[in-house]
Amino acid sequence: NMSRVNFSAGGDIATWSGADSSNVILDEDDSDQVIGLSRTFRRRLYAFKGPNLGSVWEITGTSPSTYDRSKIIEGAPCIAHNSIVTTPNDIYWMSSSGFHSMLTTEKYGDTEELYISRPIDSIFRDLNFGQVDQVSGAWHPKFNYVAWAVPESGQTTNTVVFVYFYLTKQWAVWRFTAFNPAILGTARNPLTTARETRL
């Protein structure tokens, strides 16, 4: 079932049977499939569906008997699991139309999707959409940005990095010579005294 999310037993990711392992089904009649999951975000988990209409599902609860699911966003179908980037204050993902941000407003308890990539629309439309599912995203905690490596038109590997500075809501586009950023990630550098985080 492409709309089912299975979860393993508590404390043992290799055990898929028993009282504390089960699954949740997210609208199996919507012609979409589960593309990916966020990291835990404010004690909730978010499942992203696509590639057709698309939806985002919030999964809440503290045990299999209390798990609940609800569709909170419709549209903006997620293009790949590795496009989902979870930060302490937001979740970002990529669809075939651009990049999106999920803003959670605690005051009202609601969640909305925000399209953030309008400033880079013309560059985004020039991607190789036949290979764009190999996108790779990452969050840099020190410099307050999220970034995605994607393939440009005519390319079969990731050749450009879109960088979104979420505090100033500005974009940068990084291109490299003789280097294809296949996968993005951040790690602390053990070779420096400060051990700063690097992309």
C-alpha atoms as a PDB file:
ATOM      1  CA  ASN A   1       0.000   0.000   0.000  1.00  0.00           C
ATOM      2  CA  MET A   2       1.728   3.183  -1.209  1.00  0.00           C
ATOM      3  CA  SER A   3      -0.227   5.269   1.318  1.00  0.00           C
ATOM      4  CA  ARG A   4       0.802   3.276   4.382  1.00  0.00           C
ATOM      5  CA  VAL A   5       3.543   4.259   6.839  1.00  0.00           C
ATOM      6  CA  ASN A   6       4.826   1.351   8.942  1.00  0.00           C
ATOM      7  CA  PHE A   7       6.602   1.903  12.243  1.00  0.00           C
ATOM      8  CA  SER A   8       8.870  -0.484  14.099  1.00  0.00           C
ATOM      9  CA  ALA A   9       8.827  -1.476  17.759  1.00  0.00           C
ATOM     10  CA  GLY A  10       9.895   1.135  20.295  1.00  0.00           C
ATOM     11  CA  GLY A  11      13.622   1.015  20.950  1.00  0.00           C
ATOM     12  CA  ASP A  12      14.276  -1.565  18.225  1.00  0.00           C
ATOM     13  CA  ILE A  13      14.266  -0.374  14.625  1.00  0.00           C
ATOM     14  CA  ALA A  14      14.729  -3.934  13.362  1.00  0.00           C
ATOM     15  CA  THR A  15      11.533  -5.331  14.927  1.00  0.00           C
ATOM     16  CA  TRP A  16       8.397  -4.956  12.840  1.00  0.00           C
ATOM     17  CA  SER A  17       6.008  -7.061  14.893  1.00  0.00           C
ATOM     18  CA  GLY A  18       4.590  -6.821  18.390  1.00  0.00           C
ATOM     19  CA  ALA A  19       2.221  -4.608  20.323  1.00  0.00           C
ATOM     20  CA  ASP A  20       4.061  -1.338  19.766  1.00  0.00           C
ATOM     21  CA  SER A  21       4.608  -1.703  16.017  1.00  0.00           C
ATOM     22  CA  SER A  22       1.906  -0.995  13.489  1.00  0.00           C
ATOM     23  CA  ASN A  23       1.076   1.394  10.656  1.00  0.00           C
ATOM     24  CA  VAL A  24      -1.031   4.369   9.650  1.00  0.00           C
ATOM     25  CA  ILE A  25      -2.765   4.710   6.293  1.00  0.00           C
ATOM     26  CA  LEU A  26      -2.954   8.169   4.748  1.00  0.00           C
ATOM     27  CA  ASP A  27      -5.892   8.364   2.304  1.00  0.00           C
ATOM     28  CA  GLU A  28      -5.215   5.391   0.050  1.00  0.00           C
ATOM     29  CA  ASP A  29      -7.721   6.623  -2.561  1.00  0.00           C
ATOM     30  CA  ASP A  30      -6.086   9.928  -3.494  1.00  0.00           C
ATOM     31  CA  SER A  31      -3.897   8.558  -6.364  1.00  0.00           C
ATOM     32  CA  ASP A  32      -0.738   9.605  -4.498  1.00  0.00           C
ATOM     33  CA  GLN A  33       1.895   7.744  -2.506  1.00  0.00           C
ATOM     34  CA  VAL A  34       3.934   8.549   0.581  1.00  0.00           C
ATOM     35  CA  ILE A  35       7.119  10.204  -0.703  1.00  0.00           C
ATOM     36  CA  GLY A  36       8.863  10.972   2.564  1.00  0.00           C
ATOM     37  CA  LEU A  37       8.723  11.975   6.223  1.00  0.00           C
ATOM     38  CA  SER A  38      10.018  14.922   8.187  1.00  0.00           C
ATOM     39  CA  ARG A  39      12.117  14.562  11.273  1.00  0.00           C
ATOM     40  CA  THR A  40      10.181  14.951  14.510  1.00  0.00           C
ATOM     41  CA  PHE A  41       8.963  18.543  14.618  1.00  0.00           C
ATOM     42  CA  ARG A  42       7.434  19.905  17.829  1.00  0.00           C
ATOM     43  CA  ARG A  43       6.503  16.360  18.930  1.00  0.00           C
ATOM     44  CA  ARG A  44       4.785  15.671  15.632  1.00  0.00           C
ATOM     45  CA  LEU A  45       5.731  13.801  12.486  1.00  0.00           C
ATOM     46  CA  TYR A  46       4.784  14.945   8.989  1.00  0.00           C
ATOM     47  CA  ALA A  47       4.264  12.648   6.014  1.00  0.00           C
ATOM     48  CA  PHE A  48       4.475  14.064   2.483  1.00  0.00           C
ATOM     49  CA  LYS A  49       2.583  12.577  -0.448  1.00  0.00           C
ATOM     50  CA  GLY A  50       2.918  13.000  -4.204  1.00  0.00           C
ATOM     51  CA  PRO A  51       3.511  13.094  -7.113  1.00  0.00           C
ATOM     52  CA  ASN A  52       0.020  14.051  -8.340  1.00  0.00           C
ATOM     53  CA  LEU A  53      -2.176  16.303  -6.170  1.00  0.00           C
ATOM     54  CA  GLY A  54       0.066  16.066  -3.125  1.00  0.00           C
ATOM     55  CA  SER A  55      -0.703  16.468   0.560  1.00  0.00           C
ATOM     56  CA  VAL A  56       0.961  16.798   3.938  1.00  0.00           C
ATOM     57  CA  TRP A  57      -0.278  14.724   6.864  1.00  0.00           C
ATOM     58  CA  GLU A  58       0.348  15.442  10.543  1.00  0.00           C
ATOM     59  CA  ILE A  59       0.806  12.374  12.750  1.00  0.00           C
ATOM     60  CA  THR A  60       0.389  12.954  16.474  1.00  0.00           C
ATOM     61  CA  GLY A  61       0.177  10.823  19.599  1.00  0.00           C
ATOM     62  CA  THR A  62       2.458   9.104  22.070  1.00  0.00           C
ATOM     63  CA  SER A  63       1.627   5.410  21.509  1.00  0.00           C
ATOM     64  CA  PRO A  64       0.091   3.236  18.800  1.00  0.00           C
ATOM     65  CA  SER A  65      -3.274   3.426  20.533  1.00  0.00           C
ATOM     66  CA  THR A  66      -3.235   7.243  20.513  1.00  0.00           C
ATOM     67  CA  TYR A  67      -1.666   7.911  17.114  1.00  0.00           C
ATOM     68  CA  ASP A  68      -3.850  10.184  15.028  1.00  0.00           C
ATOM     69  CA  ARG A  69      -3.439  11.584  11.529  1.00  0.00           C
ATOM     70  CA  SER A  70      -4.923  14.549   9.749  1.00  0.00           C
ATOM     71  CA  LYS A  71      -4.394  16.162   6.362  1.00  0.00           C
ATOM     72  CA  ILE A  72      -3.167  19.699   6.966  1.00  0.00           C
ATOM     73  CA  ILE A  73      -2.056  20.778   3.478  1.00  0.00           C
ATOM     74  CA  GLU A  74      -3.287  19.841   0.024  1.00  0.00           C
ATOM     75  CA  GLY A  75      -1.321  20.572  -3.147  1.00  0.00           C
ATOM     76  CA  ALA A  76       2.447  21.163  -3.407  1.00  0.00           C
ATOM     77  CA  PRO A  77       3.292  17.472  -3.961  1.00  0.00           C
ATOM     78  CA  CYS A  78       6.679  16.518  -2.538  1.00  0.00           C
ATOM     79  CA  ILE A  79       9.104  15.476  -5.261  1.00  0.00           C
ATOM     80  CA  ALA A  80      11.536  13.350  -3.213  1.00  0.00           C
ATOM     81  CA  HIS A  81      12.232  12.321   0.377  1.00  0.00           C
ATOM     82  CA  ASN A  82      15.665  13.982   0.327  1.00  0.00           C
ATOM     83  CA  SER A  83      14.062  17.330  -0.501  1.00  0.00           C
ATOM     84  CA  ILE A  84      12.420  17.460   2.954  1.00  0.00           C
ATOM     85  CA  VAL A  85      14.510  19.578   5.334  1.00  0.00           C
ATOM     86  CA  THR A  86      13.468  19.883   8.982  1.00  0.00           C
ATOM     87  CA  THR A  87      14.790  22.788  11.069  1.00  0.00           C
ATOM     88  CA  PRO A  88      13.879  23.703  14.670  1.00  0.00           C
ATOM     89  CA  ASN A  89      11.349  26.285  13.432  1.00  0.00           C
ATOM     90  CA  ASP A  90      10.108  25.079  10.056  1.00  0.00           C
ATOM     91  CA  ILE A  91       9.958  22.287   7.509  1.00  0.00           C
ATOM     92  CA  TYR A  92      10.891  22.879   3.866  1.00  0.00           C
ATOM     93  CA  TRP A  93      10.363  20.697   0.800  1.00  0.00           C
ATOM     94  CA  MET A  94      10.515  20.764  -2.969  1.00  0.00           C
ATOM     95  CA  SER A  95       7.670  20.183  -5.409  1.00  0.00           C
ATOM     96  CA  SER A  96       7.684  20.291  -9.199  1.00  0.00           C
ATOM     97  CA  SER A  97       6.682  23.954  -8.998  1.00  0.00           C
ATOM     98  CA  GLY A  98       9.257  25.181  -6.463  1.00  0.00           C
ATOM     99  CA  PHE A  99      10.218  25.204  -2.793  1.00  0.00           C
ATOM    100  CA  HIS A 100       7.775  25.391   0.083  1.00  0.00           C
ATOM    101  CA  SER A 101       7.828  26.219   3.767  1.00  0.00           C
ATOM    102  CA  MET A 102       5.432  24.958   6.396  1.00  0.00           C
ATOM    103  CA  LEU A 103       4.799  27.677   8.927  1.00  0.00           C
ATOM    104  CA  THR A 104       3.334  26.499  12.219  1.00  0.00           C
ATOM    105  CA  THR A 105       1.445  29.217  14.073  1.00  0.00           C
ATOM    106  CA  GLU A 106       1.239  28.115  17.691  1.00  0.00           C
ATOM    107  CA  LYS A 107      -0.995  31.023  18.640  1.00  0.00           C
ATOM    108  CA  TYR A 108      -3.827  29.693  16.504  1.00  0.00           C
ATOM    109  CA  GLY A 109      -2.727  26.083  16.307  1.00  0.00           C
ATOM    110  CA  ASP A 110      -2.904  25.923  12.534  1.00  0.00           C
ATOM    111  CA  THR A 111      -0.433  25.088   9.825  1.00  0.00           C
ATOM    112  CA  GLU A 112      -0.109  26.586   6.375  1.00  0.00           C
ATOM    113  CA  GLU A 113       2.090  26.049   3.350  1.00  0.00           C
ATOM    114  CA  LEU A 114       4.045  28.982   1.945  1.00  0.00           C
ATOM    115  CA  TYR A 115       5.553  29.068  -1.533  1.00  0.00           C
ATOM    116  CA  ILE A 116       8.993  30.647  -1.084  1.00  0.00           C
ATOM    117  CA  SER A 117      10.817  30.288  -4.407  1.00  0.00           C
ATOM    118  CA  ARG A 118       9.177  32.969  -6.551  1.00  0.00           C
ATOM    119  CA  PRO A 119      12.445  35.000  -6.775  1.00  0.00           C
ATOM    120  CA  ILE A 120      14.206  32.063  -8.442  1.00  0.00           C
ATOM    121  CA  ASP A 121      11.316  30.850 -10.618  1.00  0.00           C
ATOM    122  CA  SER A 122      13.083  31.414 -13.931  1.00  0.00           C
ATOM    123  CA  ILE A 123      16.136  29.402 -12.823  1.00  0.00           C
ATOM    124  CA  PHE A 124      13.978  26.706 -11.242  1.00  0.00           C
ATOM    125  CA  ARG A 125      12.000  26.187 -14.448  1.00  0.00           C
ATOM    126  CA  ASP A 126      15.285  25.372 -16.219  1.00  0.00           C
ATOM    127  CA  LEU A 127      15.973  22.247 -14.163  1.00  0.00           C
ATOM    128  CA  ASN A 128      16.124  18.725 -15.556  1.00  0.00           C
ATOM    129  CA  PHE A 129      12.770  17.487 -14.252  1.00  0.00           C
ATOM    130  CA  GLY A 130      13.497  13.995 -15.523  1.00  0.00           C
ATOM    131  CA  GLN A 131      16.279  13.738 -12.919  1.00  0.00           C
ATOM    132  CA  VAL A 132      15.060  16.182 -10.290  1.00  0.00           C
ATOM    133  CA  ASP A 133      14.020  13.408  -7.884  1.00  0.00           C
ATOM    134  CA  GLN A 134      17.725  13.069  -7.004  1.00  0.00           C
ATOM    135  CA  VAL A 135      17.522  16.420  -5.170  1.00  0.00           C
ATOM    136  CA  SER A 136      19.375  16.569  -1.861  1.00  0.00           C
ATOM    137  CA  GLY A 137      18.603  19.127   0.845  1.00  0.00           C
ATOM    138  CA  ALA A 138      20.315  20.188   4.074  1.00  0.00           C
ATOM    139  CA  TRP A 139      20.053  22.745   6.879  1.00  0.00           C
ATOM    140  CA  HIS A 140      22.988  24.810   8.138  1.00  0.00           C
ATOM    141  CA  PRO A 141      22.297  25.724  11.785  1.00  0.00           C
ATOM    142  CA  LYS A 142      25.045  28.334  12.136  1.00  0.00           C
ATOM    143  CA  PHE A 143      24.420  30.363   8.995  1.00  0.00           C
ATOM    144  CA  ASN A 144      20.627  30.027   9.038  1.00  0.00           C
ATOM    145  CA  TYR A 145      20.017  28.623   5.600  1.00  0.00           C
ATOM    146  CA  VAL A 146      18.562  25.598   3.907  1.00  0.00           C
ATOM    147  CA  ALA A 147      20.005  24.390   0.610  1.00  0.00           C
ATOM    148  CA  TRP A 148      19.118  21.973  -2.162  1.00  0.00           C
ATOM    149  CA  ALA A 149      21.395  20.472  -4.824  1.00  0.00           C
ATOM    150  CA  VAL A 150      19.536  19.853  -8.097  1.00  0.00           C
ATOM    151  CA  PRO A 151      20.331  19.035 -11.756  1.00  0.00           C
ATOM    152  CA  GLU A 152      20.033  21.786 -14.346  1.00  0.00           C
ATOM    153  CA  SER A 153      18.563  21.229 -17.783  1.00  0.00           C
ATOM    154  CA  GLY A 154      20.660  18.840 -19.856  1.00  0.00           C
ATOM    155  CA  GLN A 155      22.520  17.527 -16.790  1.00  0.00           C
ATOM    156  CA  THR A 156      22.198  14.068 -15.279  1.00  0.00           C
ATOM    157  CA  THR A 157      23.795  14.928 -11.924  1.00  0.00           C
ATOM    158  CA  ASN A 158      23.235  17.738  -9.448  1.00  0.00           C
ATOM    159  CA  THR A 159      25.006  20.822 -10.785  1.00  0.00           C
ATOM    160  CA  VAL A 160      23.528  23.778  -8.909  1.00  0.00           C
ATOM    161  CA  VAL A 161      22.681  24.536  -5.285  1.00  0.00           C
ATOM    162  CA  PHE A 162      19.729  26.744  -4.334  1.00  0.00           C
ATOM    163  CA  VAL A 163      20.323  28.383  -0.952  1.00  0.00           C
ATOM    164  CA  TYR A 164      17.515  30.009   1.047  1.00  0.00           C
ATOM    165  CA  PHE A 165      18.493  32.311   3.927  1.00  0.00           C
ATOM    166  CA  TYR A 166      15.296  32.071   5.934  1.00  0.00           C
ATOM    167  CA  LEU A 167      15.956  34.942   8.357  1.00  0.00           C
ATOM    168  CA  THR A 168      16.257  37.484   5.535  1.00  0.00           C
ATOM    169  CA  LYS A 169      14.113  35.524   3.030  1.00  0.00           C
ATOM    170  CA  GLN A 170      16.807  35.841   0.372  1.00  0.00           C
ATOM    171  CA  TRP A 171      18.104  33.358  -2.187  1.00  0.00           C
ATOM    172  CA  ALA A 172      21.546  32.543  -3.534  1.00  0.00           C
ATOM    173  CA  VAL A 173      22.448  30.218  -6.399  1.00  0.00           C
ATOM    174  CA  TRP A 174      25.765  28.394  -6.143  1.00  0.00           C
ATOM    175  CA  ARG A 175      27.444  26.826  -9.166  1.00  0.00           C
ATOM    176  CA  PHE A 176      30.682  24.903  -9.024  1.00  0.00           C
ATOM    177  CA  THR A 177      33.378  24.155 -11.577  1.00  0.00           C
ATOM    178  CA  ALA A 178      34.271  20.476 -12.051  1.00  0.00           C
ATOM    179  CA  PHE A 179      32.294  19.484  -8.968  1.00  0.00           C
ATOM    180  CA  ASN A 180      28.815  17.966  -8.770  1.00  0.00           C
ATOM    181  CA  PRO A 181      27.219  18.162  -5.288  1.00  0.00           C
ATOM    182  CA  ALA A 182      25.448  14.794  -5.295  1.00  0.00           C
ATOM    183  CA  ILE A 183      24.392  14.822  -1.629  1.00  0.00           C
ATOM    184  CA  LEU A 184      24.258  17.695   0.857  1.00  0.00           C
ATOM    185  CA  GLY A 185      24.738  17.410   4.593  1.00  0.00           C
ATOM    186  CA  THR A 186      26.174  19.276   7.551  1.00  0.00           C
ATOM    187  CA  ALA A 187      28.748  18.030  10.046  1.00  0.00           C
ATOM    188  CA  ARG A 188      30.995  19.444  12.733  1.00  0.00           C
ATOM    189  CA  ASN A 189      34.598  19.803  11.635  1.00  0.00           C
ATOM    190  CA  PRO A 190      36.806  17.851  14.091  1.00  0.00           C
ATOM    191  CA  LEU A 191      39.988  19.445  12.704  1.00  0.00           C
ATOM    192  CA  THR A 192      39.259  22.902  14.086  1.00  0.00           C
ATOM    193  CA  THR A 193      39.262  24.021  17.714  1.00  0.00           C
ATOM    194  CA  ALA A 194      35.752  25.465  17.480  1.00  0.00           C
ATOM    195  CA  ARG A 195      34.500  22.381  15.631  1.00  0.00           C
ATOM    196  CA  GLU A 196      32.157  24.565  13.659  1.00  0.00           C
ATOM    197  CA  THR A 197      29.393  23.121  11.524  1.00  0.00           C
ATOM    198  CA  ARG A 198      30.176  22.987   7.819  1.00  0.00           C
ATOM    199  CA  LEU A 199      28.092  22.154   4.777  1.00  0.00           C
END
